[in-house]
Structure formats: C-alpha cells, structure tokens
Amino acid sequence: MISPRRYACLGRVSSCLAALALIGCAPHAAYHKLAAAPGNCVGDVLASQCRDSYYQEFADHDLAFVEFSERGNAFDDRMVNDVVDRIRRKADDSGVVVLTFVHGWKHNADEGDDNVKEFKGSLQRTVALLKERFGGGALAGRRLVGVYVGWRGASITVPGLEQLSFWDRKAVAEELGSGGVTRLLLDLDRATGASPGNVLVVIGHSFGGAIVVRALSELMTERVMVRNGTDGDARAFGDGVIVINPAIEATQALHLVEAAIDGDYHASQLPLFVSLSSDADRATHYAFPAGQTIGLLSWKQTVLTRGHSYDRRRPGQAIPLSEKHLDATTVGNFAPFLTHRLRYHGAGDGAPFEFLNCDAVPAECEPMGWTSLSGQPAIGPLPAHYPLYFVKTDESVMDGHNDIFNDRVRSFIYVVIDDVIRRAFAHGGAVPRARPGASPSAPVLARPGEFAERLGTTLNAIEALPSLPAPPR
C-alpha cells in the first residue's frame, strides 16, 4: 500500500511540473504580520495598520487571521497566542460569539482573496442581524469575533493549471488537520468555554472542511462514546461544527458515524456536526472521485460487513459497505450518511424552504455523481435525537462548489448559530455544552418545520438589510 507521504509526493510532483511550466507559484508565507493595535480598523480600512494586521478591530466586531505553513505549523506562535488571549479576555469580560472559518482549495488569507472579502461581508451582516434580533448593543454585550484560518490552498497562480494541484492541496489539508489547526481549535474552545454564555462555531469549506473533519473527528468520536449518563448528551465541540461542500472522503467520518448511532441521546442534545452539500457541486461529485481513484490506485480496498447498513427499500436486509465507495465519495455526498434534504422554492405565497428527513424523500437522498453505488443506501436505524446532520440540497440553495456566501447559505448557517444564542439567552447565559437536560427543548435542527420557517424569516431579514459597500481591493 502506498504511504500517505508518497501519495502526497505524487501530488507535489504534478503540481511542480505544472508550476515549472509557467512559473506561477503562490508565496508560502503569512499575509498578516503587523502587530494588532486597538481600533486599528475603526477609521481607514484600507490603511496598512488595518489590512496587514493579524487582529483587526472594527467598530462593532473583530477579525483575526491565524495562518499556517504547509506542514501544519503556525508561522508565528506569538501571533496565535495573542489572538487566543484577546478572545479569552473579551470572553471573560462581556462575552463573545466566535465564528471560525477555514477556507478551502484555491484560496488563501490575502486581503484580495474572494473568501476573505466574503467572510468580512458575512461578519458585517451577522452583526446587523444579531443586533436587530437581540438589541442592546453588539450582540447584547457579546463581541462578534471572526477567526479566519489561512493556509496555502492556492499554490499555483496560473489560470487553468491550478486544477493540477488537487492531490498536493489535499495532502496539505490533511497535514493541517493533523497539526496546528487542532491545537488552535482546542485553544479557542478553552478560551470561550470558561463562561457558558460564550459561543464558538467552527465552519470549514471544501478542503477547509477536510481540515476541520481531520482536526475534530476523533475528539467528537470520543465524546459520543463517553456521554453524560444513559441517554445523555454528548458534549459538542464549542457550540457546533459546520462543513460546506467538504472535500474529504467518507472513510474519514465512518468511525464517527458508527460511534454516534450506538444509543439514544437526550432531547436537548446539541448538533455535533452539520454538513451541507449541493447536487450542483461538480467538484466533489466528479473531480474528487476522479482524483481519489487516481491517487489510490495502489491501495488495497475491501468490502466491509456492517449490520447497520441497509437499503431503504429493503430495511430488514443488511448490505455491505464498500471501501471503494467510501474512499471515492465525499462525506457530504455519501448517500448512506445523508439524513436531510433542504429545498428552496423561491419567493411566492408559500414557505420558501422545506427541511425534510431523508426517510420522507428517499429518492432525493440517492447516490449522485461519479459512483457505482446505487439504490437507496442508508445507515441505521438512527438513534433518538441523533446529533449528526448530513444535509443535501441543490442549485437553488448553492449553485456550485464555491457558492457558499449567498444569502440562502448564510441563512442556513445563521439559523444554526442563532439557535445556540437563543438557548443561551433563555437559560440566563447558560449554553448546555456539558450538562444533560440543561435545556428542555430540542435544537431547531431537530424540528424540521420550525427550522424551515426560521430559514425563510432569516432570508427575508438578510435581504432587507442595506446593501454593503463593495469590498476594498
């Protein structure tokens, strides 16, 4: 079997050949190195003291950059420590809502990168929405802090040739997920966890989703296996983990899924893991399987016997799981994992969204893309209050791999976060992270009708917000 390092080497060779052809390599260095000064972005956001700083303080929110080398090491640990310390002090003072975003393939932490600009815009809209919802100052006293995790997702700058960096960037993403990103996320969890009124949500896209899964899947597996008593809660990491069009093979989440289906949960169980993927994502439906098939030619794969794997059309008959399918299909596209279908009907007289369990619409949760997996495969039966949500949608919500910052996707993420904040306010600032039964009601994701209703209300609120100025370049 070919080793992971040799597998990575194949990618590096292909990337280097392409880069040598037209000499177009992106720099391997941090983009934000300037020391952070209080209020450095309150005035001129184009000034170097703002754009070049690793901690940017705007009037009503903060944005921190934490950047990593290809080996998964922070470029400067003093900057990372300073970011975590600042968040800890704000968390201990008036409270924080921390949104951590890990970008994906073909992106980096440069101020001109589309993901950086879109993330900044999302923070501005989130502040406006939360002020409107809760009033009383910025998040009712809590400070919104965005943490942008940067890495060299864009290694080749020559248009067209960046596609050849698939294997190389996938290997780097796996390296980051096994390295410093794990420590950063744990540090943020500790910094915000001292007071139960703080909120921490981790979001990853594409290979950034792969980094998040690699960094946290073993920890989440341990937490679902070690619960707080019989039928108790499994402690969420922070207040939720969301991945969007994650570009990581389903094999990497199999142990988490199999551990999570072993036994019921309390009704108040928070979502541990939420995946949102689109039918319109050709990158994960076709490019990813092709890349995996080529990259794993020398690997030995087998068929796994599993009593919990079945076809929805024949629920009493177990079917095997093939490693060929698990390796070539992403976590968010692997049909046996899917739990829900998100529909968007657009503006009109009826409700704009529907959020349906896959058992209700099995034909919309079938295998798609380049795969020989067929039928209506599923894993289960799922336990009561199952905390993993694998949601599939279509182009009406997310029209392609990178269409992740549109208002419909923003609404989805916001409602998940908003539910955590609502529960914190309802219980005197106590987010039920580790106490079984601390909240009597199920999270909104477990109430499909209400979740769909909130999505529609939130989308209307986002669309009613004043237009943001074009992001500076």
Protein backbone atom coordinates (compact mmCIF):
# COMPACT_ATOMS: atom_id res chain seq x y z
CA MET A 1 0.00 0.00 0.00
CA ILE A 2 1.33 3.42 -0.94
CA SER A 3 2.11 5.59 2.08
CA PRO A 4 0.36 8.92 2.67
CA ARG A 5 3.68 10.73 2.21
CA ARG A 6 4.30 9.05 -1.13
CA TYR A 7 0.69 9.81 -2.06
CA ALA A 8 1.37 13.48 -1.23
CA CYS A 9 4.59 13.30 -3.24
CA LEU A 10 2.65 12.31 -6.36
CA GLY A 11 0.60 15.46 -5.96
CA ARG A 12 3.63 17.63 -5.37
CA VAL A 13 5.34 16.28 -8.46
CA SER A 14 2.30 17.02 -10.63
CA SER A 15 1.94 20.50 -9.13
CA CYS A 16 5.63 21.30 -9.52
CA LEU A 17 5.67 20.19 -13.14
CA ALA A 18 2.76 22.45 -13.89
CA ALA A 19 4.30 25.32 -11.93
CA LEU A 20 7.64 24.93 -13.67
CA ALA A 21 5.91 25.11 -17.00
CA LEU A 22 4.76 28.67 -16.48
CA ILE A 23 6.41 29.66 -13.16
CA GLY A 24 3.32 30.59 -11.18
CA CYS A 25 3.69 29.64 -7.53
CA ALA A 26 1.88 31.44 -4.73
CA PRO A 27 4.04 32.60 -1.81
CA HIS A 28 4.46 30.36 1.23
CA ALA A 29 4.28 32.97 3.98
CA ALA A 30 1.81 34.72 6.23
CA TYR A 31 -0.12 37.63 4.70
CA HIS A 32 -0.93 39.35 8.00
CA LYS A 33 2.12 40.08 10.12
CA LEU A 34 1.51 43.55 11.57
CA ALA A 35 1.05 43.82 15.33
CA ALA A 36 -2.50 44.46 16.41
CA ALA A 37 -3.41 47.94 17.69
CA PRO A 38 -6.71 48.75 19.45
CA GLY A 39 -9.29 50.10 17.00
CA ASN A 40 -6.93 49.72 14.05
CA CYS A 41 -9.82 49.28 11.58
CA VAL A 42 -12.31 51.78 13.00
CA GLY A 43 -11.14 54.51 10.63
CA ASP A 44 -9.47 53.82 7.29
CA VAL A 45 -9.98 50.11 6.49
CA LEU A 46 -7.57 50.44 3.55
CA ALA A 47 -4.69 51.60 5.73
CA SER A 48 -1.81 49.21 6.28
CA GLN A 49 -2.39 49.24 10.04
CA CYS A 50 -5.73 47.54 9.34
CA ARG A 51 -5.25 45.35 6.26
CA ASP A 52 -1.84 44.00 7.26
CA SER A 53 -2.74 43.28 10.88
CA TYR A 54 -3.43 39.78 12.14
CA TYR A 55 -6.05 41.17 14.54
CA GLN A 56 -8.42 43.74 13.05
CA GLU A 57 -10.72 45.67 15.39
CA PHE A 58 -13.69 47.27 13.64
CA ALA A 59 -16.34 49.40 15.32
CA ASP A 60 -18.70 46.53 16.13
CA HIS A 61 -16.73 43.31 15.55
CA ASP A 62 -13.23 41.85 15.27
CA LEU A 63 -11.48 39.74 12.64
CA ALA A 64 -8.40 37.67 13.45
CA PHE A 65 -6.14 35.85 11.00
CA VAL A 66 -4.29 32.70 12.02
CA GLU A 67 -2.05 31.38 9.23
CA PHE A 68 -0.32 28.04 8.88
CA SER A 69 2.53 26.57 6.86
CA GLU A 70 2.06 23.55 4.62
CA ARG A 71 3.37 21.36 7.44
CA GLY A 72 0.53 22.45 9.68
CA ASN A 73 2.59 24.80 11.85
CA ALA A 74 1.65 28.36 12.73
CA PHE A 75 4.04 30.81 11.04
CA ASP A 76 4.38 32.76 14.29
CA ASP A 77 3.16 31.26 17.56
CA ARG A 78 3.28 34.66 19.28
CA MET A 79 0.57 35.93 16.95
CA VAL A 80 -1.59 32.87 17.59
CA ASN A 81 -1.17 33.22 21.34
CA ASP A 82 -2.06 36.89 21.12
CA VAL A 83 -5.23 36.12 19.14
CA VAL A 84 -6.34 33.49 21.65
CA ASP A 85 -5.50 35.75 24.61
CA ARG A 86 -7.51 38.64 23.15
CA ILE A 87 -10.51 36.38 22.62
CA ARG A 88 -10.17 34.96 26.12
CA ARG A 89 -10.14 38.44 27.68
CA LYS A 90 -13.21 39.50 25.72
CA ALA A 91 -14.93 36.22 26.60
CA ASP A 92 -14.26 36.73 30.30
CA ASP A 93 -15.28 40.39 30.15
CA SER A 94 -18.59 40.80 28.32
CA GLY A 95 -18.76 37.56 26.31
CA VAL A 96 -18.04 36.63 22.70
CA VAL A 97 -19.56 34.94 19.70
CA VAL A 98 -16.63 33.43 17.78
CA LEU A 99 -17.10 32.30 14.17
CA THR A 100 -14.06 30.37 12.95
CA PHE A 101 -13.80 29.85 9.18
CA VAL A 102 -11.31 27.50 7.47
CA HIS A 103 -11.12 28.22 3.74
CA GLY A 104 -10.64 25.65 1.04
CA TRP A 105 -8.87 24.89 -2.21
CA LYS A 106 -7.59 27.75 -4.40
CA HIS A 107 -7.85 30.31 -1.60
CA ASN A 108 -5.57 31.89 0.99
CA ALA A 109 -5.52 34.72 3.57
CA ASP A 110 -4.63 37.53 1.18
CA GLU A 111 -6.86 40.60 1.60
CA GLY A 112 -7.73 40.36 -2.09
CA ASP A 113 -8.92 36.75 -1.85
CA ASP A 114 -12.64 36.32 -2.51
CA ASN A 115 -13.12 34.23 0.64
CA VAL A 116 -11.55 36.94 2.82
CA LYS A 117 -13.78 39.62 1.32
CA GLU A 118 -16.91 37.47 1.57
CA PHE A 119 -16.14 36.45 5.14
CA LYS A 120 -15.76 40.10 6.08
CA GLY A 121 -19.11 40.85 4.49
CA SER A 122 -20.73 37.94 6.33
CA LEU A 123 -19.45 39.25 9.67
CA GLN A 124 -20.95 42.66 8.94
CA ARG A 125 -24.32 41.12 8.09
CA THR A 126 -24.21 38.86 11.13
CA VAL A 127 -23.61 41.85 13.40
CA ALA A 128 -26.57 43.66 11.84
CA LEU A 129 -28.86 40.65 12.19
CA LEU A 130 -27.91 39.86 15.76
CA LYS A 131 -28.27 43.49 16.81
CA GLU A 132 -31.74 43.51 15.32
CA ARG A 133 -32.64 40.21 16.96
CA PHE A 134 -31.28 40.86 20.43
CA GLY A 135 -30.72 44.63 20.58
CA GLY A 136 -28.91 46.27 23.46
CA GLY A 137 -25.60 46.90 21.71
CA ALA A 138 -23.36 44.49 19.83
CA LEU A 139 -24.90 41.06 20.42
CA ALA A 140 -26.43 42.28 23.67
CA GLY A 141 -22.95 42.94 25.03
CA ARG A 142 -21.21 39.97 23.40
CA ARG A 143 -18.48 40.79 20.90
CA LEU A 144 -18.56 39.11 17.50
CA VAL A 145 -15.11 37.81 16.57
CA GLY A 146 -14.35 36.16 13.25
CA VAL A 147 -11.29 33.91 13.05
CA TYR A 148 -10.04 33.28 9.52
CA VAL A 149 -7.77 30.23 9.34
CA GLY A 150 -5.43 30.75 6.41
CA TRP A 151 -3.27 28.24 4.56
CA ARG A 152 -1.80 27.84 1.08
CA GLY A 153 -4.94 26.49 -0.57
CA ALA A 154 -3.91 28.37 -3.71
CA SER A 155 -0.45 27.12 -4.64
CA ILE A 156 -0.47 27.74 -8.41
CA THR A 157 -1.45 31.16 -9.72
CA VAL A 158 -1.53 30.30 -13.42
CA PRO A 159 -5.17 30.20 -14.64
CA GLY A 160 -6.22 26.69 -15.65
CA LEU A 161 -3.23 24.93 -14.12
CA GLU A 162 -4.48 25.25 -10.55
CA GLN A 163 -6.67 22.20 -11.21
CA LEU A 164 -3.50 20.09 -11.16
CA SER A 165 -2.93 20.96 -7.52
CA PHE A 166 -5.73 18.65 -6.29
CA TRP A 167 -3.53 15.89 -4.84
CA ASP A 168 -0.98 18.31 -3.50
CA ARG A 169 -3.51 20.55 -1.73
CA LYS A 170 -5.47 17.57 -0.40
CA ALA A 171 -2.32 16.21 1.21
CA VAL A 172 -1.55 19.64 2.70
CA ALA A 173 -5.10 19.91 4.07
CA GLU A 174 -4.70 16.55 5.77
CA GLU A 175 -1.39 17.72 7.23
CA LEU A 176 -3.05 20.84 8.66
CA GLY A 177 -5.92 18.81 10.08
CA SER A 178 -3.41 16.64 11.93
CA GLY A 179 -1.32 19.57 13.14
CA GLY A 180 -1.63 23.11 14.42
CA VAL A 181 -5.26 23.67 13.47
CA THR A 182 -6.33 21.07 16.03
CA ARG A 183 -4.44 22.94 18.73
CA LEU A 184 -5.89 26.29 17.64
CA LEU A 185 -9.46 24.99 17.80
CA LEU A 186 -8.85 23.44 21.22
CA ASP A 187 -7.34 26.73 22.44
CA LEU A 188 -10.41 28.63 21.20
CA ASP A 189 -12.69 26.12 22.89
CA ARG A 190 -10.88 26.62 26.18
CA ALA A 191 -10.81 30.40 25.78
CA THR A 192 -14.58 30.58 25.28
CA GLY A 193 -15.58 27.62 27.46
CA ALA A 194 -14.92 29.19 30.86
CA SER A 195 -18.21 31.08 30.68
CA PRO A 196 -21.20 29.10 29.35
CA GLY A 197 -22.65 32.24 27.76
CA ASN A 198 -19.95 32.40 25.08
CA VAL A 199 -20.50 30.89 21.64
CA LEU A 200 -17.95 29.16 19.39
CA VAL A 201 -18.87 27.80 15.96
CA VAL A 202 -16.36 26.23 13.52
CA ILE A 203 -17.05 26.38 9.78
CA GLY A 204 -14.99 24.72 7.04
CA HIS A 205 -15.41 24.75 3.25
CA SER A 206 -14.03 22.33 0.65
CA PHE A 207 -10.53 21.26 1.74
CA GLY A 208 -11.14 23.54 4.72
CA GLY A 209 -13.96 21.15 5.62
CA ALA A 210 -11.43 18.35 5.28
CA ILE A 211 -9.14 20.15 7.72
CA VAL A 212 -12.00 20.52 10.22
CA VAL A 213 -13.03 16.86 9.92
CA ARG A 214 -9.45 15.67 10.35
CA ALA A 215 -8.89 18.00 13.28
CA LEU A 216 -12.04 17.17 15.23
CA SER A 217 -13.46 13.78 14.17
CA GLU A 218 -11.52 11.77 16.75
CA LEU A 219 -12.45 14.21 19.50
CA MET A 220 -16.14 14.10 18.51
CA THR A 221 -15.99 10.30 18.31
CA GLU A 222 -14.68 10.18 21.86
CA ARG A 223 -17.45 12.49 23.05
CA VAL A 224 -20.27 10.43 21.56
CA MET A 225 -18.76 7.32 23.12
CA VAL A 226 -18.33 8.93 26.55
CA ARG A 227 -21.66 10.54 27.26
CA ASN A 228 -23.07 12.12 30.37
CA GLY A 229 -25.01 9.16 31.67
CA THR A 230 -27.51 6.85 30.00
CA ASP A 231 -29.33 8.53 27.11
CA GLY A 232 -27.37 11.68 27.99
CA ASP A 233 -25.82 14.45 25.97
CA ALA A 234 -22.57 14.12 24.07
CA ARG A 235 -20.63 17.31 24.60
CA ALA A 236 -20.46 19.38 21.42
CA PHE A 237 -17.18 20.92 20.35
CA GLY A 238 -17.80 24.54 21.19
CA ASP A 239 -21.36 25.06 20.05
CA GLY A 240 -21.27 23.36 16.70
CA VAL A 241 -19.19 22.30 13.71
CA ILE A 242 -20.43 23.09 10.19
CA VAL A 243 -18.79 21.95 6.94
CA ILE A 244 -19.93 23.13 3.49
CA ASN A 245 -19.22 21.03 0.40
CA PRO A 246 -16.48 19.26 2.38
CA ALA A 247 -13.78 17.72 0.18
CA ILE A 248 -12.81 14.74 2.29
CA GLU A 249 -13.62 11.08 1.74
CA ALA A 250 -16.46 9.46 3.67
CA THR A 251 -13.96 6.96 5.12
CA GLN A 252 -12.66 9.73 7.39
CA ALA A 253 -16.06 10.10 9.09
CA LEU A 254 -17.12 6.45 9.21
CA HIS A 255 -15.81 5.87 12.73
CA LEU A 256 -17.67 8.96 13.97
CA VAL A 257 -20.94 7.87 12.34
CA GLU A 258 -20.67 4.32 13.65
CA ALA A 259 -19.94 5.54 17.17
CA ALA A 260 -22.78 8.08 17.03
CA ILE A 261 -25.50 5.58 16.07
CA ASP A 262 -24.79 3.46 19.14
CA GLY A 263 -27.52 4.51 21.57
CA ASP A 264 -30.09 7.26 22.04
CA TYR A 265 -29.44 10.85 23.10
CA HIS A 266 -31.26 13.27 25.36
CA ALA A 267 -33.82 15.51 23.67
CA SER A 268 -31.66 18.58 24.36
CA GLN A 269 -28.66 17.16 22.51
CA LEU A 270 -26.94 19.92 20.52
CA PRO A 271 -25.87 19.18 16.93
CA LEU A 272 -22.31 17.88 16.98
CA PHE A 273 -21.69 18.01 13.26
CA VAL A 274 -23.59 19.61 10.37
CA SER A 275 -22.69 19.03 6.72
CA LEU A 276 -24.32 20.96 3.87
CA SER A 277 -23.59 19.82 0.31
CA SER A 278 -25.14 20.59 -3.05
CA ASP A 279 -26.13 18.48 -6.04
CA ALA A 280 -24.66 21.29 -8.15
CA ASP A 281 -21.16 20.83 -6.73
CA ARG A 282 -19.36 19.21 -9.67
CA ALA A 283 -16.01 19.44 -7.90
CA THR A 284 -16.98 16.93 -5.19
CA HIS A 285 -19.29 14.84 -7.39
CA TYR A 286 -16.83 14.34 -10.25
CA ALA A 287 -13.37 15.88 -9.76
CA PHE A 288 -12.97 14.46 -6.26
CA PRO A 289 -13.84 10.85 -7.22
CA ALA A 290 -11.53 11.11 -10.23
CA GLY A 291 -8.68 12.42 -8.10
CA GLN A 292 -9.22 9.78 -5.44
CA THR A 293 -9.38 6.98 -7.99
CA ILE A 294 -6.06 8.02 -9.49
CA GLY A 295 -4.41 8.72 -6.14
CA LEU A 296 -5.46 5.41 -4.59
CA LEU A 297 -4.57 3.10 -7.48
CA SER A 298 -2.02 1.25 -5.34
CA TRP A 299 -4.22 0.99 -2.23
CA LYS A 300 -5.93 -2.23 -1.27
CA GLN A 301 -9.65 -1.81 -0.68
CA THR A 302 -12.19 -4.28 0.59
CA VAL A 303 -15.88 -4.73 1.29
CA LEU A 304 -16.95 -4.19 4.90
CA THR A 305 -19.65 -6.27 6.59
CA ARG A 306 -21.95 -3.99 8.57
CA GLY A 307 -25.24 -4.87 10.25
CA HIS A 308 -26.33 -1.22 10.28
CA SER A 309 -26.04 -0.72 6.51
CA TYR A 310 -29.22 -1.31 4.50
CA ASP A 311 -31.28 -0.16 1.52
CA ARG A 312 -34.35 1.92 2.41
CA ARG A 313 -36.39 -0.18 0.00
CA ARG A 314 -35.46 -3.34 1.95
CA PRO A 315 -34.95 -2.15 5.56
CA GLY A 316 -34.69 -5.64 7.03
CA GLN A 317 -31.82 -6.73 4.78
CA ALA A 318 -28.25 -5.69 5.59
CA ILE A 319 -25.96 -4.67 2.73
CA PRO A 320 -22.15 -4.32 2.80
CA LEU A 321 -20.18 -1.10 2.70
CA SER A 322 -17.50 -0.86 0.02
CA GLU A 323 -14.27 0.98 0.76
CA LYS A 324 -14.19 1.85 -2.93
CA HIS A 325 -17.32 3.94 -2.41
CA LEU A 326 -16.18 5.33 0.94
CA ASP A 327 -12.84 6.45 -0.49
CA ALA A 328 -14.15 8.00 -3.71
CA THR A 329 -17.15 9.86 -2.26
CA THR A 330 -17.03 12.91 -0.05
CA VAL A 331 -18.53 13.00 3.43
CA GLY A 332 -21.36 15.27 2.30
CA ASN A 333 -22.24 13.26 -0.81
CA PHE A 334 -22.09 9.73 0.64
CA ALA A 335 -25.72 8.60 0.37
CA PRO A 336 -25.72 6.22 3.40
CA PHE A 337 -24.76 9.15 5.67
CA LEU A 338 -27.45 11.54 4.42
CA THR A 339 -30.13 12.50 6.95
CA HIS A 340 -31.99 15.50 5.47
CA ARG A 341 -32.94 17.28 2.26
CA LEU A 342 -33.15 21.08 2.05
CA ARG A 343 -35.44 22.54 -0.61
CA TYR A 344 -35.83 26.17 -1.66
CA HIS A 345 -38.92 27.25 -3.61
CA GLY A 346 -38.13 30.92 -4.00
CA ALA A 347 -40.33 33.89 -3.33
CA GLY A 348 -44.05 33.30 -3.52
CA ASP A 349 -47.15 32.65 -1.49
CA GLY A 350 -45.88 29.50 0.20
CA ALA A 351 -42.99 28.95 2.60
CA PRO A 352 -39.68 29.43 0.74
CA PHE A 353 -37.90 26.45 2.38
CA GLU A 354 -38.61 22.84 3.21
CA PHE A 355 -36.38 20.76 5.50
CA LEU A 356 -37.21 17.07 5.14
CA ASN A 357 -35.93 13.84 6.63
CA CYS A 358 -34.41 11.51 4.02
CA ASP A 359 -36.84 8.77 5.07
CA ALA A 360 -39.63 11.03 3.79
CA VAL A 361 -37.95 11.75 0.42
CA PRO A 362 -35.60 8.80 -0.16
CA ALA A 363 -35.33 9.43 -3.91
CA GLU A 364 -33.72 12.83 -3.15
CA CYS A 365 -31.05 11.18 -0.99
CA GLU A 366 -29.80 8.65 -3.54
CA PRO A 367 -26.17 8.43 -4.73
CA MET A 368 -25.10 11.06 -7.26
CA GLY A 369 -22.05 11.85 -9.35
CA TRP A 370 -19.30 9.51 -10.44
CA THR A 371 -20.05 6.42 -8.37
CA SER A 372 -21.22 2.85 -8.85
CA LEU A 373 -23.14 2.97 -5.58
CA SER A 374 -26.84 2.60 -6.35
CA GLY A 375 -30.24 2.14 -4.74
CA GLN A 376 -31.25 3.98 -1.60
CA PRO A 377 -28.47 3.02 0.83
CA ALA A 378 -28.69 4.17 4.42
CA ILE A 379 -27.15 3.58 7.83
CA GLY A 380 -29.28 2.90 10.85
CA PRO A 381 -31.68 2.69 12.43
CA LEU A 382 -30.63 6.07 13.74
CA PRO A 383 -30.93 6.62 17.50
CA ALA A 384 -33.30 9.14 19.04
CA HIS A 385 -32.02 12.73 18.78
CA TYR A 386 -29.11 11.70 16.52
CA PRO A 387 -26.63 14.64 16.61
CA LEU A 388 -25.07 14.32 13.13
CA TYR A 389 -26.82 16.19 10.31
CA PHE A 390 -25.81 15.37 6.74
CA VAL A 391 -27.91 17.73 4.61
CA LYS A 392 -28.14 17.69 0.82
CA THR A 393 -29.60 20.48 -1.31
CA ASP A 394 -29.49 21.64 -4.94
CA GLU A 395 -28.55 24.62 -7.10
CA SER A 396 -31.47 26.70 -5.79
CA VAL A 397 -29.61 26.95 -2.47
CA MET A 398 -25.97 26.50 -3.52
CA ASP A 399 -25.15 26.73 -7.22
CA GLY A 400 -21.72 25.13 -7.32
CA HIS A 401 -18.76 24.27 -5.12
CA ASN A 402 -17.83 27.85 -4.21
CA ASP A 403 -21.31 29.38 -3.96
CA ILE A 404 -21.13 29.38 -0.17
CA PHE A 405 -21.65 33.03 0.76
CA ASN A 406 -25.02 33.63 -0.89
CA ASP A 407 -27.92 34.72 1.30
CA ARG A 408 -29.58 31.28 1.38
CA VAL A 409 -26.43 29.58 2.68
CA ARG A 410 -25.88 32.47 5.08
CA SER A 411 -29.43 31.94 6.35
CA PHE A 412 -28.73 28.26 6.99
CA ILE A 413 -25.56 29.00 8.98
CA TYR A 414 -27.12 31.93 10.79
CA VAL A 415 -30.17 29.96 11.98
CA VAL A 416 -27.92 27.22 13.42
CA ILE A 417 -25.86 29.85 15.27
CA ASP A 418 -28.91 31.89 16.25
CA ASP A 419 -30.45 28.83 17.90
CA VAL A 420 -27.42 28.46 20.15
CA ILE A 421 -27.62 32.12 21.17
CA ARG A 422 -31.37 31.91 21.79
CA ARG A 423 -30.84 28.96 24.08
CA ALA A 424 -28.08 30.81 25.91
CA PHE A 425 -30.34 33.82 26.49
CA ALA A 426 -33.29 31.64 27.50
CA HIS A 427 -31.27 29.99 30.24
CA GLY A 428 -29.62 33.02 31.76
CA GLY A 429 -26.48 32.76 29.65
CA ALA A 430 -26.09 29.01 30.11
CA VAL A 431 -25.34 27.18 26.88
CA PRO A 432 -25.89 23.47 27.62
CA ARG A 433 -22.48 22.27 26.50
CA ALA A 434 -21.92 19.51 29.01
CA ARG A 435 -24.92 19.30 31.28
CA PRO A 436 -27.51 16.68 30.30
CA GLY A 437 -31.01 18.03 30.35
CA ALA A 438 -29.95 21.64 30.88
CA SER A 439 -32.29 22.69 28.08
CA PRO A 440 -35.76 21.13 27.90
CA SER A 441 -36.24 21.73 24.19
CA ALA A 442 -34.60 20.09 21.20
CA PRO A 443 -32.36 22.22 18.96
CA VAL A 444 -34.08 23.79 16.00
CA LEU A 445 -32.41 21.41 13.51
CA ALA A 446 -34.33 18.60 15.20
CA ARG A 447 -37.61 20.42 14.48
CA PRO A 448 -37.72 20.49 10.65
CA GLY A 449 -40.86 22.57 10.30
CA GLU A 450 -39.63 25.31 12.62
CA PHE A 451 -36.14 25.20 11.08
CA ALA A 452 -37.61 25.77 7.61
CA GLU A 453 -39.76 28.60 8.95
CA ARG A 454 -36.78 30.30 10.58
CA LEU A 455 -34.79 29.94 7.36
CA GLY A 456 -37.47 31.85 5.50
CA THR A 457 -37.71 34.57 8.14
CA THR A 458 -33.94 34.94 8.27
CA LEU A 459 -33.58 35.09 4.50
CA ASN A 460 -36.16 37.89 4.40
CA ALA A 461 -34.27 39.74 7.13
CA ILE A 462 -30.94 39.38 5.31
CA GLU A 463 -32.39 40.57 2.01
CA ALA A 464 -33.91 43.58 3.80
CA LEU A 465 -30.55 44.72 5.16
CA PRO A 466 -28.98 47.77 3.49
CA SER A 467 -26.54 46.90 0.74
CA LEU A 468 -22.96 46.69 1.86
CA PRO A 469 -20.32 48.81 0.11
CA ALA A 470 -18.17 46.95 -2.38
CA PRO A 471 -15.23 45.35 -0.53
CA PRO A 472 -11.96 47.27 -0.95
CA ARG A 473 -9.26 45.77 -3.10
